[in-house]
């Protein structure tokens, strides 16, 4: 079993920044690809970013390219999402996810474990 816990969400003004963290349990974190997804009210959960087992390559949704950066520290069993130049349309619950293979995925069905989510609200 793998447990994932997100933190770092909050309220920020448009143009500001937030850094999300995802802490994972177990010694298998090193071999898992990881991803971030988000879900806004009334919308489907969507892919944001992913990172393979070694820390590269990375992949981003078109909507966040150039603004968000995904990274991981395997020694600390932790993944991060640095979010800059935030926009009101970035408002959503952000979820950490893990899959039991090393290569990245962009679909919800490709991930095996999920955190409870952390709220990000961007005001105008």
N, C-alpha and C. Protein backbone atom coordinates (compact mmCIF):
# COMPACT_ATOMS: atom_id res chain seq x y z
N UNK A 1 0.83 -1.19 0.00
CA UNK A 1 0.00 0.00 0.00
C UNK A 1 0.87 1.25 0.00
N UNK A 2 0.38 2.28 -0.69
CA UNK A 2 1.05 3.57 -0.76
C UNK A 2 0.06 4.64 -0.32
N UNK A 3 0.49 5.53 0.55
CA UNK A 3 -0.32 6.66 0.98
C UNK A 3 0.32 7.95 0.50
N UNK A 4 -0.51 8.87 0.00
CA UNK A 4 -0.05 10.16 -0.51
C UNK A 4 -0.78 11.27 0.23
N UNK A 5 -0.05 12.29 0.66
CA UNK A 5 -0.62 13.41 1.38
C UNK A 5 -0.14 14.72 0.76
N UNK A 6 -1.09 15.53 0.24
CA UNK A 6 -0.76 16.82 -0.36
C UNK A 6 -0.79 17.92 0.69
N UNK A 7 -0.01 18.98 0.45
CA UNK A 7 -0.03 20.16 1.29
C UNK A 7 0.43 21.35 0.47
N UNK A 8 0.21 22.56 0.99
CA UNK A 8 0.70 23.77 0.35
C UNK A 8 -0.35 24.58 -0.37
N UNK A 9 -1.58 24.10 -0.44
CA UNK A 9 -2.64 24.86 -1.09
C UNK A 9 -3.05 26.06 -0.26
N UNK A 10 -3.82 26.95 -0.88
CA UNK A 10 -4.28 28.14 -0.19
C UNK A 10 -4.86 29.16 -1.13
N UNK A 11 -5.02 30.37 -0.63
CA UNK A 11 -5.57 31.48 -1.40
C UNK A 11 -4.44 32.41 -1.84
N UNK A 12 -4.43 32.76 -3.12
CA UNK A 12 -3.39 33.63 -3.66
C UNK A 12 -4.01 34.53 -4.73
N UNK A 13 -3.48 35.72 -4.89
CA UNK A 13 -3.95 36.64 -5.92
C UNK A 13 -3.39 36.26 -7.28
N UNK A 14 -4.11 36.62 -8.34
CA UNK A 14 -3.64 36.37 -9.69
C UNK A 14 -2.24 36.94 -9.89
N UNK A 15 -1.37 36.15 -10.53
CA UNK A 15 0.01 36.54 -10.73
C UNK A 15 0.95 36.05 -9.65
N UNK A 16 0.40 35.53 -8.57
CA UNK A 16 1.21 35.04 -7.46
C UNK A 16 1.67 33.62 -7.66
N UNK A 17 2.29 33.06 -6.60
CA UNK A 17 2.88 31.72 -6.67
C UNK A 17 2.49 30.89 -5.47
N UNK A 18 2.46 29.57 -5.67
CA UNK A 18 2.28 28.59 -4.61
C UNK A 18 3.17 27.39 -4.91
N UNK A 19 3.58 26.68 -3.87
CA UNK A 19 4.35 25.46 -4.02
C UNK A 19 3.62 24.33 -3.30
N UNK A 20 3.17 23.33 -4.05
CA UNK A 20 2.50 22.18 -3.49
C UNK A 20 3.50 21.06 -3.22
N UNK A 21 3.26 20.30 -2.16
CA UNK A 21 4.09 19.15 -1.83
C UNK A 21 3.22 17.90 -1.73
N UNK A 22 3.81 16.76 -2.04
CA UNK A 22 3.14 15.47 -1.91
C UNK A 22 4.10 14.51 -1.23
N UNK A 23 3.76 14.11 -0.01
CA UNK A 23 4.59 13.18 0.75
C UNK A 23 4.05 11.76 0.57
N UNK A 24 4.92 10.83 0.20
CA UNK A 24 4.54 9.45 -0.07
C UNK A 24 5.14 8.51 0.96
N UNK A 25 4.38 7.47 1.30
CA UNK A 25 4.85 6.46 2.22
C UNK A 25 5.52 5.31 1.47
N UNK A 26 6.28 4.50 2.19
CA UNK A 26 6.86 3.30 1.62
C UNK A 26 8.21 3.50 0.96
N UNK A 27 8.92 2.38 0.79
CA UNK A 27 10.23 2.41 0.16
C UNK A 27 10.17 2.27 -1.35
N UNK A 28 8.98 2.11 -1.93
CA UNK A 28 8.82 1.93 -3.36
C UNK A 28 8.69 3.23 -4.13
N UNK A 29 8.67 4.38 -3.45
CA UNK A 29 8.51 5.67 -4.11
C UNK A 29 9.55 5.87 -5.21
N UNK A 30 10.75 5.42 -4.99
CA UNK A 30 11.85 5.63 -5.94
C UNK A 30 11.53 5.10 -7.34
N UNK A 31 10.75 4.02 -7.45
CA UNK A 31 10.47 3.39 -8.73
C UNK A 31 9.13 3.79 -9.35
N UNK A 32 8.38 4.68 -8.70
CA UNK A 32 7.06 5.08 -9.18
C UNK A 32 7.12 6.38 -9.97
N UNK A 33 6.42 6.42 -11.11
CA UNK A 33 6.16 7.69 -11.77
C UNK A 33 5.08 8.43 -10.98
N UNK A 34 5.12 9.76 -11.00
CA UNK A 34 4.20 10.57 -10.21
C UNK A 34 3.54 11.62 -11.08
N UNK A 35 2.36 12.06 -10.66
CA UNK A 35 1.66 13.09 -11.41
C UNK A 35 0.80 13.98 -10.54
N UNK A 36 0.45 15.14 -11.09
CA UNK A 36 -0.50 16.06 -10.47
C UNK A 36 -1.72 16.20 -11.38
N UNK A 37 -2.91 16.15 -10.79
CA UNK A 37 -4.17 16.38 -11.47
C UNK A 37 -4.95 17.44 -10.71
N UNK A 38 -5.95 18.04 -11.35
CA UNK A 38 -6.78 19.02 -10.66
C UNK A 38 -8.23 18.90 -11.11
N UNK A 39 -9.14 19.35 -10.23
CA UNK A 39 -10.56 19.29 -10.53
C UNK A 39 -11.24 20.54 -10.01
N UNK A 40 -11.84 21.31 -10.92
CA UNK A 40 -12.60 22.50 -10.57
C UNK A 40 -14.07 22.12 -10.40
N UNK A 41 -14.85 22.91 -9.65
CA UNK A 41 -16.28 22.61 -9.47
C UNK A 41 -17.01 22.49 -10.81
N UNK A 42 -17.76 21.41 -10.97
CA UNK A 42 -18.53 21.19 -12.18
C UNK A 42 -17.73 20.69 -13.37
N UNK A 43 -16.45 20.41 -13.19
CA UNK A 43 -15.60 19.94 -14.28
C UNK A 43 -14.99 18.59 -13.95
N UNK A 44 -14.52 17.90 -15.00
CA UNK A 44 -13.85 16.62 -14.83
C UNK A 44 -12.43 16.84 -14.31
N UNK A 45 -11.92 15.83 -13.62
CA UNK A 45 -10.53 15.88 -13.18
C UNK A 45 -9.62 15.85 -14.40
N UNK A 46 -8.60 16.72 -14.43
CA UNK A 46 -7.73 16.83 -15.59
C UNK A 46 -6.26 16.74 -15.22
N UNK A 47 -5.47 16.31 -16.18
CA UNK A 47 -4.03 16.17 -16.01
C UNK A 47 -3.36 17.53 -15.94
N UNK A 48 -2.35 17.65 -15.08
CA UNK A 48 -1.58 18.88 -14.94
C UNK A 48 -0.11 18.66 -15.31
N UNK A 49 0.55 17.70 -14.65
CA UNK A 49 1.97 17.46 -14.87
C UNK A 49 2.35 16.07 -14.39
N UNK A 50 3.45 15.52 -14.93
CA UNK A 50 3.93 14.21 -14.52
C UNK A 50 5.45 14.16 -14.59
N UNK A 51 6.03 13.23 -13.83
CA UNK A 51 7.48 13.08 -13.77
C UNK A 51 7.81 11.60 -13.62
N UNK A 52 8.84 11.13 -14.35
CA UNK A 52 9.17 9.72 -14.29
C UNK A 52 9.97 9.39 -13.03
N UNK A 53 10.33 8.11 -12.89
CA UNK A 53 10.94 7.64 -11.63
C UNK A 53 12.26 8.33 -11.30
N UNK A 54 13.02 8.74 -12.31
CA UNK A 54 14.36 9.29 -12.10
C UNK A 54 14.37 10.81 -11.97
N UNK A 55 13.23 11.46 -12.14
CA UNK A 55 13.17 12.91 -12.11
C UNK A 55 13.15 13.54 -13.49
N UNK A 56 13.18 12.74 -14.54
CA UNK A 56 13.09 13.22 -15.90
C UNK A 56 12.92 12.05 -16.85
N UNK A 57 12.17 12.20 -17.93
CA UNK A 57 11.59 13.45 -18.42
C UNK A 57 10.34 13.87 -17.66
N UNK A 58 9.89 15.08 -17.92
CA UNK A 58 8.66 15.60 -17.35
C UNK A 58 7.69 15.94 -18.46
N UNK A 59 6.41 16.05 -18.12
CA UNK A 59 5.37 16.36 -19.09
C UNK A 59 4.35 17.29 -18.46
N UNK A 60 3.86 18.27 -19.25
CA UNK A 60 2.92 19.26 -18.74
C UNK A 60 1.72 19.42 -19.67
N UNK A 61 0.58 19.71 -19.08
CA UNK A 61 -0.58 20.11 -19.87
C UNK A 61 -0.29 21.45 -20.53
N UNK A 62 -0.86 21.68 -21.72
CA UNK A 62 -0.62 22.93 -22.44
C UNK A 62 -1.01 24.15 -21.61
N UNK A 63 -2.03 24.02 -20.78
CA UNK A 63 -2.53 25.14 -20.02
C UNK A 63 -1.57 25.65 -18.94
N UNK A 64 -0.58 24.83 -18.56
CA UNK A 64 0.34 25.22 -17.49
C UNK A 64 1.79 25.31 -17.93
N UNK A 65 2.09 24.97 -19.18
CA UNK A 65 3.47 25.03 -19.67
C UNK A 65 4.04 26.43 -19.52
N UNK A 66 5.27 26.49 -19.02
CA UNK A 66 5.94 27.77 -18.81
C UNK A 66 5.62 28.43 -17.50
N UNK A 67 4.62 27.92 -16.77
CA UNK A 67 4.23 28.50 -15.49
C UNK A 67 4.44 27.54 -14.31
N UNK A 68 4.22 26.25 -14.53
CA UNK A 68 4.35 25.25 -13.47
C UNK A 68 5.60 24.41 -13.68
N UNK A 69 6.21 23.94 -12.58
CA UNK A 69 7.37 23.07 -12.64
C UNK A 69 7.18 21.91 -11.67
N UNK A 70 7.28 20.67 -12.17
CA UNK A 70 7.17 19.49 -11.33
C UNK A 70 8.58 18.98 -11.02
N UNK A 71 8.78 18.50 -9.80
CA UNK A 71 10.07 17.95 -9.39
C UNK A 71 9.84 16.91 -8.30
N UNK A 72 10.89 16.15 -7.98
CA UNK A 72 10.79 15.16 -6.92
C UNK A 72 12.12 15.00 -6.21
N UNK A 73 12.05 14.62 -4.95
CA UNK A 73 13.22 14.32 -4.14
C UNK A 73 13.00 12.92 -3.59
N UNK A 74 13.58 11.92 -4.25
CA UNK A 74 13.34 10.54 -3.87
C UNK A 74 13.89 10.20 -2.49
N UNK A 75 14.95 10.88 -2.07
CA UNK A 75 15.52 10.65 -0.75
C UNK A 75 14.54 11.06 0.35
N UNK A 76 13.64 12.01 0.05
CA UNK A 76 12.66 12.49 1.01
C UNK A 76 11.26 11.94 0.74
N UNK A 77 11.11 11.09 -0.28
CA UNK A 77 9.80 10.54 -0.67
C UNK A 77 8.78 11.66 -0.90
N UNK A 78 9.20 12.71 -1.59
CA UNK A 78 8.36 13.88 -1.76
C UNK A 78 8.39 14.39 -3.20
N UNK A 79 7.23 14.79 -3.72
CA UNK A 79 7.09 15.41 -5.03
C UNK A 79 6.58 16.83 -4.84
N UNK A 80 6.95 17.73 -5.76
CA UNK A 80 6.58 19.13 -5.65
C UNK A 80 5.95 19.65 -6.94
N UNK A 81 5.13 20.68 -6.81
CA UNK A 81 4.62 21.41 -7.96
C UNK A 81 4.76 22.89 -7.66
N UNK A 82 5.71 23.55 -8.31
CA UNK A 82 5.89 24.99 -8.18
C UNK A 82 4.98 25.67 -9.20
N UNK A 83 4.08 26.51 -8.73
CA UNK A 83 3.10 27.18 -9.58
C UNK A 83 3.35 28.67 -9.55
N UNK A 84 3.71 29.24 -10.70
CA UNK A 84 3.97 30.67 -10.84
C UNK A 84 2.96 31.29 -11.79
N UNK A 85 2.86 32.61 -11.75
CA UNK A 85 1.94 33.36 -12.64
C UNK A 85 0.54 32.76 -12.62
N UNK A 86 0.03 32.52 -11.43
CA UNK A 86 -1.26 31.86 -11.29
C UNK A 86 -2.40 32.71 -11.83
N UNK A 87 -3.39 32.01 -12.42
CA UNK A 87 -4.56 32.64 -13.01
C UNK A 87 -5.82 32.14 -12.30
N UNK A 88 -6.91 32.91 -12.34
CA UNK A 88 -8.16 32.45 -11.72
C UNK A 88 -8.61 31.09 -12.23
N UNK A 89 -8.35 30.77 -13.50
CA UNK A 89 -8.73 29.48 -14.04
C UNK A 89 -7.92 28.32 -13.49
N UNK A 90 -6.87 28.59 -12.72
CA UNK A 90 -6.11 27.55 -12.05
C UNK A 90 -6.79 27.09 -10.75
N UNK A 91 -7.84 27.79 -10.33
CA UNK A 91 -8.56 27.44 -9.11
C UNK A 91 -9.14 26.03 -9.23
N UNK A 92 -8.79 25.16 -8.27
CA UNK A 92 -9.23 23.77 -8.30
C UNK A 92 -8.69 23.05 -7.06
N UNK A 93 -9.17 21.84 -6.85
CA UNK A 93 -8.55 20.94 -5.90
C UNK A 93 -7.45 20.19 -6.65
N UNK A 94 -6.25 20.21 -6.12
CA UNK A 94 -5.11 19.57 -6.77
C UNK A 94 -4.81 18.24 -6.08
N UNK A 95 -4.65 17.19 -6.89
CA UNK A 95 -4.43 15.84 -6.38
C UNK A 95 -3.07 15.30 -6.79
N UNK A 96 -2.40 14.67 -5.87
CA UNK A 96 -1.17 13.93 -6.11
C UNK A 96 -1.52 12.50 -6.48
N UNK A 97 -0.82 11.91 -7.45
CA UNK A 97 -1.08 10.55 -7.88
C UNK A 97 0.22 9.81 -8.16
N UNK A 98 0.18 8.47 -8.04
CA UNK A 98 1.33 7.63 -8.29
C UNK A 98 0.92 6.40 -9.09
N UNK A 99 1.80 5.92 -9.96
CA UNK A 99 1.56 4.69 -10.70
C UNK A 99 2.72 3.73 -10.49
N UNK A 100 2.43 2.43 -10.50
CA UNK A 100 3.41 1.40 -10.14
C UNK A 100 4.35 1.02 -11.27
N UNK A 101 4.72 1.99 -12.10
CA UNK A 101 5.71 1.84 -13.15
C UNK A 101 6.55 3.11 -13.16
N UNK A 102 7.66 3.08 -13.88
CA UNK A 102 8.55 4.23 -13.88
C UNK A 102 8.25 5.29 -14.91
N UNK A 103 7.52 4.94 -15.99
CA UNK A 103 7.23 5.88 -17.06
C UNK A 103 6.00 6.72 -16.75
N UNK A 104 5.95 7.94 -17.30
CA UNK A 104 4.87 8.87 -17.01
C UNK A 104 3.59 8.49 -17.73
N UNK A 105 2.46 8.96 -17.18
CA UNK A 105 1.16 8.81 -17.79
C UNK A 105 0.40 10.11 -17.66
N UNK A 106 -0.60 10.32 -18.53
CA UNK A 106 -1.39 11.55 -18.51
C UNK A 106 -2.87 11.30 -18.27
N UNK A 107 -3.29 10.04 -18.17
CA UNK A 107 -4.69 9.70 -17.98
C UNK A 107 -4.95 9.25 -16.54
N UNK A 108 -6.13 9.58 -16.04
CA UNK A 108 -6.51 9.21 -14.68
C UNK A 108 -6.39 7.71 -14.46
N UNK A 109 -6.83 6.91 -15.44
CA UNK A 109 -6.82 5.46 -15.33
C UNK A 109 -5.45 4.84 -15.26
N UNK A 110 -4.41 5.58 -15.56
CA UNK A 110 -3.04 5.07 -15.52
C UNK A 110 -2.42 5.13 -14.13
N UNK A 111 -3.11 5.75 -13.19
CA UNK A 111 -2.56 5.92 -11.84
C UNK A 111 -3.25 5.02 -10.84
N UNK A 112 -2.48 4.51 -9.89
CA UNK A 112 -2.96 3.51 -8.94
C UNK A 112 -3.28 4.07 -7.56
N UNK A 113 -2.62 5.15 -7.17
CA UNK A 113 -2.77 5.72 -5.83
C UNK A 113 -3.03 7.21 -5.91
N UNK A 114 -3.88 7.71 -5.00
CA UNK A 114 -4.28 9.12 -5.00
C UNK A 114 -4.29 9.70 -3.59
N UNK A 115 -3.92 10.98 -3.49
CA UNK A 115 -4.07 11.69 -2.24
C UNK A 115 -5.46 12.25 -2.09
N UNK A 116 -5.72 12.95 -0.98
CA UNK A 116 -7.04 13.50 -0.71
C UNK A 116 -7.27 14.86 -1.36
N UNK A 117 -6.23 15.51 -1.83
CA UNK A 117 -6.35 16.78 -2.52
C UNK A 117 -6.09 17.97 -1.61
N UNK A 118 -5.67 19.07 -2.23
CA UNK A 118 -5.47 20.34 -1.52
C UNK A 118 -6.04 21.46 -2.37
N UNK A 119 -6.79 22.37 -1.73
CA UNK A 119 -7.49 23.43 -2.45
C UNK A 119 -6.55 24.57 -2.82
N UNK A 120 -6.61 24.98 -4.08
CA UNK A 120 -5.90 26.16 -4.57
C UNK A 120 -6.94 27.13 -5.10
N UNK A 121 -6.96 28.34 -4.56
CA UNK A 121 -7.91 29.36 -4.99
C UNK A 121 -7.14 30.61 -5.42
N UNK A 122 -7.37 31.04 -6.66
CA UNK A 122 -6.69 32.21 -7.22
C UNK A 122 -7.72 33.31 -7.43
N UNK A 123 -7.56 34.43 -6.76
CA UNK A 123 -8.50 35.53 -6.84
C UNK A 123 -8.03 36.58 -7.84
N UNK A 124 -8.99 37.33 -8.40
CA UNK A 124 -8.67 38.39 -9.36
C UNK A 124 -8.25 39.66 -8.66
